[in-house]
């Protein structure tokens, strides 16, 4: 009985993760990082952001589209 409960809870958890990933737009992209510079920045360069990284981010579109919030 405990095993069935654990299996059912795991199945529910994984289906919830799949729905969350689909709603976030994760599956619309073929990669997680835009390019190698974005990967390098995300893995080890985010602690000391300088003007070079800010310009690369803006020019190469690392963070996607800017969306205005309507709750302001």
PDB file of N, CA and C in Angstrom:
ATOM      1  N   UNK A   1       0.821  -1.191   0.000  1.00  0.00           N
ATOM      2  CA  UNK A   1       0.000   0.000   0.000  1.00  0.00           C
ATOM      3  C   UNK A   1       0.869   1.261   0.000  1.00  0.00           C
ATOM      4  N   UNK A   2       1.917   1.245   0.800  1.00  0.00           N
ATOM      5  CA  UNK A   2       2.810   2.399   0.842  1.00  0.00           C
ATOM      6  C   UNK A   2       3.503   2.600  -0.502  1.00  0.00           C
ATOM      7  N   UNK A   3       3.876   1.499  -1.139  1.00  0.00           N
ATOM      8  CA  UNK A   3       4.557   1.575  -2.427  1.00  0.00           C
ATOM      9  C   UNK A   3       3.637   2.197  -3.477  1.00  0.00           C
ATOM     10  N   UNK A   4       2.362   1.812  -3.490  1.00  0.00           N
ATOM     11  CA  UNK A   4       1.398   2.379  -4.428  1.00  0.00           C
ATOM     12  C   UNK A   4       1.248   3.881  -4.201  1.00  0.00           C
ATOM     13  N   UNK A   5       1.193   4.284  -2.940  1.00  0.00           N
ATOM     14  CA  UNK A   5       1.087   5.701  -2.612  1.00  0.00           C
ATOM     15  C   UNK A   5       2.310   6.470  -3.127  1.00  0.00           C
ATOM     16  N   UNK A   6       3.488   5.934  -2.922  1.00  0.00           N
ATOM     17  CA  UNK A   6       4.718   6.585  -3.374  1.00  0.00           C
ATOM     18  C   UNK A   6       4.746   6.675  -4.903  1.00  0.00           C
ATOM     19  N   UNK A   7       4.348   5.616  -5.572  1.00  0.00           N
ATOM     20  CA  UNK A   7       4.321   5.626  -7.038  1.00  0.00           C
ATOM     21  C   UNK A   7       3.322   6.657  -7.547  1.00  0.00           C
ATOM     22  N   UNK A   8       2.161   6.726  -6.945  1.00  0.00           N
ATOM     23  CA  UNK A   8       1.151   7.702  -7.376  1.00  0.00           C
ATOM     24  C   UNK A   8       1.610   9.135  -7.117  1.00  0.00           C
ATOM     25  N   UNK A   9       2.226   9.385  -5.978  1.00  0.00           N
ATOM     26  CA  UNK A   9       2.716  10.732  -5.673  1.00  0.00           C
ATOM     27  C   UNK A   9       3.836  11.133  -6.633  1.00  0.00           C
ATOM     28  N   UNK A  10       4.713  10.200  -6.967  1.00  0.00           N
ATOM     29  CA  UNK A  10       5.783  10.471  -7.916  1.00  0.00           C
ATOM     30  C   UNK A  10       5.209  10.792  -9.289  1.00  0.00           C
ATOM     31  N   UNK A  11       4.207  10.031  -9.725  1.00  0.00           N
ATOM     32  CA  UNK A  11       3.572  10.283 -11.017  1.00  0.00           C
ATOM     33  C   UNK A  11       2.911  11.663 -11.045  1.00  0.00           C
ATOM     34  N   UNK A  12       2.228  12.030  -9.984  1.00  0.00           N
ATOM     35  CA  UNK A  12       1.606  13.357  -9.913  1.00  0.00           C
ATOM     36  C   UNK A  12       2.652  14.467  -9.935  1.00  0.00           C
ATOM     37  N   UNK A  13       3.722  14.264  -9.202  1.00  0.00           N
ATOM     38  CA  UNK A  13       4.797  15.267  -9.165  1.00  0.00           C
ATOM     39  C   UNK A  13       5.408  15.464 -10.551  1.00  0.00           C
ATOM     40  N   UNK A  14       5.722  14.369 -11.225  1.00  0.00           N
ATOM     41  CA  UNK A  14       6.338  14.469 -12.552  1.00  0.00           C
ATOM     42  C   UNK A  14       5.389  15.074 -13.581  1.00  0.00           C
ATOM     43  N   UNK A  15       4.106  14.758 -13.505  1.00  0.00           N
ATOM     44  CA  UNK A  15       3.166  15.367 -14.443  1.00  0.00           C
ATOM     45  C   UNK A  15       3.040  16.864 -14.172  1.00  0.00           C
ATOM     46  N   UNK A  16       3.102  17.257 -12.914  1.00  0.00           N
ATOM     47  CA  UNK A  16       3.079  18.685 -12.584  1.00  0.00           C
ATOM     48  C   UNK A  16       4.301  19.407 -13.102  1.00  0.00           C
ATOM     49  N   UNK A  17       5.460  18.764 -13.047  1.00  0.00           N
ATOM     50  CA  UNK A  17       6.682  19.365 -13.586  1.00  0.00           C
ATOM     51  C   UNK A  17       6.577  19.538 -15.098  1.00  0.00           C
ATOM     52  N   UNK A  18       5.988  18.555 -15.770  1.00  0.00           N
ATOM     53  CA  UNK A  18       5.809  18.645 -17.218  1.00  0.00           C
ATOM     54  C   UNK A  18       4.891  19.781 -17.609  1.00  0.00           C
ATOM     55  N   UNK A  19       3.815  19.959 -16.876  1.00  0.00           N
ATOM     56  CA  UNK A  19       2.884  21.057 -17.150  1.00  0.00           C
ATOM     57  C   UNK A  19       3.565  22.396 -16.903  1.00  0.00           C
ATOM     58  N   UNK A  20       4.321  22.500 -15.827  1.00  0.00           N
ATOM     59  CA  UNK A  20       5.016  23.756 -15.525  1.00  0.00           C
ATOM     60  C   UNK A  20       6.036  24.090 -16.608  1.00  0.00           C
ATOM     61  N   UNK A  21       6.750  23.095 -17.102  1.00  0.00           N
ATOM     62  CA  UNK A  21       7.729  23.334 -18.158  1.00  0.00           C
ATOM     63  C   UNK A  21       7.034  23.760 -19.448  1.00  0.00           C
ATOM     64  N   UNK A  22       5.905  23.152 -19.750  1.00  0.00           N
ATOM     65  CA  UNK A  22       5.175  23.514 -20.971  1.00  0.00           C
ATOM     66  C   UNK A  22       4.645  24.945 -20.869  1.00  0.00           C
ATOM     67  N   UNK A  23       4.099  25.316 -19.731  1.00  0.00           N
ATOM     68  CA  UNK A  23       3.554  26.661 -19.542  1.00  0.00           C
ATOM     69  C   UNK A  23       4.640  27.729 -19.564  1.00  0.00           C
ATOM     70  N   UNK A  24       5.841  27.389 -19.153  1.00  0.00           N
ATOM     71  CA  UNK A  24       6.917  28.380 -19.110  1.00  0.00           C
ATOM     72  C   UNK A  24       7.530  28.649 -20.476  1.00  0.00           C
ATOM     73  N   UNK A  25       7.224  27.809 -21.470  1.00  0.00           N
ATOM     74  CA  UNK A  25       7.797  27.979 -22.795  1.00  0.00           C
ATOM     75  C   UNK A  25       9.131  27.290 -22.972  1.00  0.00           C
ATOM     76  N   UNK A  26       9.514  26.452 -22.023  1.00  0.00           N
ATOM     77  CA  UNK A  26      10.808  25.775 -22.077  1.00  0.00           C
ATOM     78  C   UNK A  26      10.945  24.904 -23.317  1.00  0.00           C
ATOM     79  N   UNK A  27       9.888  24.222 -23.731  1.00  0.00           N
ATOM     80  CA  UNK A  27       9.957  23.303 -24.863  1.00  0.00           C
ATOM     81  C   UNK A  27      10.010  24.023 -26.211  1.00  0.00           C
ATOM     82  N   UNK A  28       9.795  25.334 -26.239  1.00  0.00           N
ATOM     83  CA  UNK A  28       9.827  26.093 -27.491  1.00  0.00           C
ATOM     84  C   UNK A  28      11.252  26.367 -27.959  1.00  0.00           C
ATOM     85  N   UNK A  29      12.244  26.111 -27.135  1.00  0.00           N
ATOM     86  CA  UNK A  29      13.632  26.394 -27.472  1.00  0.00           C
ATOM     87  C   UNK A  29      14.384  25.088 -27.669  1.00  0.00           C
ATOM     88  N   UNK A  30      15.375  25.116 -28.549  1.00  0.00           N
ATOM     89  CA  UNK A  30      16.153  23.903 -28.764  1.00  0.00           C
ATOM     90  C   UNK A  30      17.373  23.830 -27.856  1.00  0.00           C
ATOM     91  N   UNK A  31      17.696  24.903 -27.152  1.00  0.00           N
ATOM     92  CA  UNK A  31      18.818  24.903 -26.218  1.00  0.00           C
ATOM     93  C   UNK A  31      18.440  25.677 -24.962  1.00  0.00           C
ATOM     94  N   UNK A  32      19.172  25.434 -23.909  1.00  0.00           N
ATOM     95  CA  UNK A  32      18.941  26.157 -22.669  1.00  0.00           C
ATOM     96  C   UNK A  32      19.653  27.508 -22.692  1.00  0.00           C
ATOM     97  N   UNK A  33      20.854  27.541 -23.262  1.00  0.00           N
ATOM     98  CA  UNK A  33      21.645  28.771 -23.328  1.00  0.00           C
ATOM     99  C   UNK A  33      21.686  29.280 -24.761  1.00  0.00           C
ATOM    100  N   UNK A  34      21.727  30.588 -24.916  1.00  0.00           N
ATOM    101  CA  UNK A  34      21.714  31.199 -26.243  1.00  0.00           C
ATOM    102  C   UNK A  34      22.969  30.858 -27.038  1.00  0.00           C
ATOM    103  N   UNK A  35      24.131  30.912 -26.388  1.00  0.00           N
ATOM    104  CA  UNK A  35      25.402  30.593 -27.046  1.00  0.00           C
ATOM    105  C   UNK A  35      26.444  30.288 -25.965  1.00  0.00           C
ATOM    106  N   UNK A  36      27.696  30.098 -26.393  1.00  0.00           N
ATOM    107  CA  UNK A  36      28.749  29.721 -25.437  1.00  0.00           C
ATOM    108  C   UNK A  36      29.048  30.834 -24.442  1.00  0.00           C
ATOM    109  N   UNK A  37      28.959  32.097 -24.866  1.00  0.00           N
ATOM    110  CA  UNK A  37      29.199  33.201 -23.931  1.00  0.00           C
ATOM    111  C   UNK A  37      28.132  33.220 -22.828  1.00  0.00           C
ATOM    112  N   UNK A  38      26.895  32.944 -23.209  1.00  0.00           N
ATOM    113  CA  UNK A  38      25.812  32.904 -22.237  1.00  0.00           C
ATOM    114  C   UNK A  38      26.019  31.758 -21.245  1.00  0.00           C
ATOM    115  N   UNK A  39      26.454  30.596 -21.734  1.00  0.00           N
ATOM    116  CA  UNK A  39      26.747  29.466 -20.858  1.00  0.00           C
ATOM    117  C   UNK A  39      27.871  29.810 -19.883  1.00  0.00           C
ATOM    118  N   UNK A  40      28.945  30.398 -20.394  1.00  0.00           N
ATOM    119  CA  UNK A  40      30.081  30.757 -19.537  1.00  0.00           C
ATOM    120  C   UNK A  40      29.663  31.758 -18.463  1.00  0.00           C
ATOM    121  N   UNK A  41      28.880  32.762 -18.852  1.00  0.00           N
ATOM    122  CA  UNK A  41      28.415  33.753 -17.893  1.00  0.00           C
ATOM    123  C   UNK A  41      27.521  33.112 -16.835  1.00  0.00           C
ATOM    124  N   UNK A  42      26.609  32.245 -17.260  1.00  0.00           N
ATOM    125  CA  UNK A  42      25.667  31.635 -16.324  1.00  0.00           C
ATOM    126  C   UNK A  42      26.348  30.683 -15.352  1.00  0.00           C
ATOM    127  N   UNK A  43      27.411  30.029 -15.788  1.00  0.00           N
ATOM    128  CA  UNK A  43      28.086  29.067 -14.929  1.00  0.00           C
ATOM    129  C   UNK A  43      29.067  29.717 -13.947  1.00  0.00           C
ATOM    130  N   UNK A  44      29.771  30.763 -14.375  1.00  0.00           N
ATOM    131  CA  UNK A  44      30.799  31.284 -13.469  1.00  0.00           C
ATOM    132  C   UNK A  44      30.965  32.795 -13.493  1.00  0.00           C
ATOM    133  N   UNK A  45      30.293  33.527 -14.357  1.00  0.00           N
ATOM    134  CA  UNK A  45      30.551  34.954 -14.450  1.00  0.00           C
ATOM    135  C   UNK A  45      29.506  35.847 -13.842  1.00  0.00           C
ATOM    136  N   UNK A  46      28.446  35.292 -13.303  1.00  0.00           N
ATOM    137  CA  UNK A  46      27.341  36.115 -12.826  1.00  0.00           C
ATOM    138  C   UNK A  46      27.643  36.852 -11.524  1.00  0.00           C
ATOM    139  N   UNK A  47      28.707  36.489 -10.832  1.00  0.00           N
ATOM    140  CA  UNK A  47      29.033  37.155  -9.568  1.00  0.00           C
ATOM    141  C   UNK A  47      29.624  38.545  -9.779  1.00  0.00           C
ATOM    142  N   UNK A  48      30.353  38.725 -10.860  1.00  0.00           N
ATOM    143  CA  UNK A  48      30.994  40.013 -11.143  1.00  0.00           C
ATOM    144  C   UNK A  48      30.571  40.478 -12.533  1.00  0.00           C
ATOM    145  N   UNK A  49      29.423  41.111 -12.624  1.00  0.00           N
ATOM    146  CA  UNK A  49      28.918  41.575 -13.912  1.00  0.00           C
ATOM    147  C   UNK A  49      29.563  42.917 -14.229  1.00  0.00           C
ATOM    148  N   UNK A  50      30.151  43.008 -15.411  1.00  0.00           N
ATOM    149  CA  UNK A  50      30.700  44.287 -15.838  1.00  0.00           C
ATOM    150  C   UNK A  50      30.002  44.714 -17.126  1.00  0.00           C
ATOM    151  N   UNK A  51      30.436  45.819 -17.676  1.00  0.00           N
ATOM    152  CA  UNK A  51      29.793  46.393 -18.854  1.00  0.00           C
ATOM    153  C   UNK A  51      29.870  45.460 -20.065  1.00  0.00           C
ATOM    154  N   UNK A  52      30.938  44.675 -20.175  1.00  0.00           N
ATOM    155  CA  UNK A  52      31.086  43.742 -21.298  1.00  0.00           C
ATOM    156  C   UNK A  52      29.959  42.710 -21.307  1.00  0.00           C
ATOM    157  N   UNK A  53      29.688  42.106 -20.160  1.00  0.00           N
ATOM    158  CA  UNK A  53      28.619  41.119 -20.081  1.00  0.00           C
ATOM    159  C   UNK A  53      27.250  41.752 -20.308  1.00  0.00           C
ATOM    160  N   UNK A  54      27.055  42.950 -19.805  1.00  0.00           N
ATOM    161  CA  UNK A  54      25.775  43.632 -20.018  1.00  0.00           C
ATOM    162  C   UNK A  54      25.537  43.890 -21.505  1.00  0.00           C
ATOM    163  N   UNK A  55      26.581  44.308 -22.205  1.00  0.00           N
ATOM    164  CA  UNK A  55      26.444  44.554 -23.648  1.00  0.00           C
ATOM    165  C   UNK A  55      26.221  43.251 -24.410  1.00  0.00           C
ATOM    166  N   UNK A  56      26.975  42.196 -24.078  1.00  0.00           N
ATOM    167  CA  UNK A  56      26.774  40.907 -24.738  1.00  0.00           C
ATOM    168  C   UNK A  56      25.351  40.408 -24.522  1.00  0.00           C
ATOM    169  N   UNK A  57      24.868  40.541 -23.306  1.00  0.00           N
ATOM    170  CA  UNK A  57      23.511  40.097 -22.994  1.00  0.00           C
ATOM    171  C   UNK A  57      22.482  40.820 -23.845  1.00  0.00           C
ATOM    172  N   UNK A  58      22.633  42.105 -23.948  1.00  0.00           N
ATOM    173  CA  UNK A  58      21.667  42.895 -24.711  1.00  0.00           C
ATOM    174  C   UNK A  58      21.775  42.621 -26.210  1.00  0.00           C
ATOM    175  N   UNK A  59      22.994  42.566 -26.738  1.00  0.00           N
ATOM    176  CA  UNK A  59      23.194  42.363 -28.168  1.00  0.00           C
ATOM    177  C   UNK A  59      22.743  40.972 -28.621  1.00  0.00           C
ATOM    178  N   UNK A  60      23.011  39.962 -27.806  1.00  0.00           N
ATOM    179  CA  UNK A  60      22.729  38.590 -28.211  1.00  0.00           C
ATOM    180  C   UNK A  60      21.386  38.070 -27.707  1.00  0.00           C
ATOM    181  N   UNK A  61      20.675  38.848 -26.931  1.00  0.00           N
ATOM    182  CA  UNK A  61      19.346  38.451 -26.469  1.00  0.00           C
ATOM    183  C   UNK A  61      19.345  37.245 -25.550  1.00  0.00           C
ATOM    184  N   UNK A  62      20.208  37.243 -24.547  1.00  0.00           N
ATOM    185  CA  UNK A  62      20.330  36.102 -23.636  1.00  0.00           C
ATOM    186  C   UNK A  62      19.045  35.846 -22.858  1.00  0.00           C
ATOM    187  N   UNK A  63      18.361  36.882 -22.448  1.00  0.00           N
ATOM    188  CA  UNK A  63      17.272  36.718 -21.481  1.00  0.00           C
ATOM    189  C   UNK A  63      15.897  36.808 -22.113  1.00  0.00           C
ATOM    190  N   UNK A  64      15.801  36.721 -23.413  1.00  0.00           N
ATOM    191  CA  UNK A  64      14.482  36.689 -24.057  1.00  0.00           C
ATOM    192  C   UNK A  64      13.868  38.058 -24.194  1.00  0.00           C
ATOM    193  N   UNK A  65      12.550  38.069 -24.356  1.00  0.00           N
ATOM    194  CA  UNK A  65      11.813  39.303 -24.578  1.00  0.00           C
ATOM    195  C   UNK A  65      11.442  39.954 -23.261  1.00  0.00           C
ATOM    196  N   UNK A  66      11.430  41.266 -23.253  1.00  0.00           N
ATOM    197  CA  UNK A  66      10.975  42.011 -22.091  1.00  0.00           C
ATOM    198  C   UNK A  66       9.462  42.060 -22.115  1.00  0.00           C
ATOM    199  N   UNK A  67       8.843  41.692 -21.013  1.00  0.00           N
ATOM    200  CA  UNK A  67       7.392  41.695 -20.915  1.00  0.00           C
ATOM    201  C   UNK A  67       6.994  42.687 -19.850  1.00  0.00           C
ATOM    202  N   UNK A  68       6.145  43.629 -20.212  1.00  0.00           N
ATOM    203  CA  UNK A  68       5.665  44.625 -19.262  1.00  0.00           C
ATOM    204  C   UNK A  68       4.603  44.004 -18.362  1.00  0.00           C
ATOM    205  N   UNK A  69       4.692  44.293 -17.078  1.00  0.00           N
ATOM    206  CA  UNK A  69       3.703  43.793 -16.125  1.00  0.00           C
ATOM    207  C   UNK A  69       2.488  44.695 -16.139  1.00  0.00           C
ATOM    208  N   UNK A  70       1.318  44.108 -16.031  1.00  0.00           N
ATOM    209  CA  UNK A  70       0.083  44.893 -16.060  1.00  0.00           C
ATOM    210  C   UNK A  70      -0.444  45.233 -14.671  1.00  0.00           C
ATOM    211  N   UNK A  71       0.193  44.734 -13.631  1.00  0.00           N
ATOM    212  CA  UNK A  71      -0.303  44.958 -12.276  1.00  0.00           C
ATOM    213  C   UNK A  71       0.304  46.184 -11.600  1.00  0.00           C
ATOM    214  N   UNK A  72       0.956  47.026 -12.348  1.00  0.00           N
ATOM    215  CA  UNK A  72       1.586  48.217 -11.764  1.00  0.00           C
ATOM    216  C   UNK A  72       0.556  49.282 -11.487  1.00  0.00           C
TER     217      UNK A  72
END
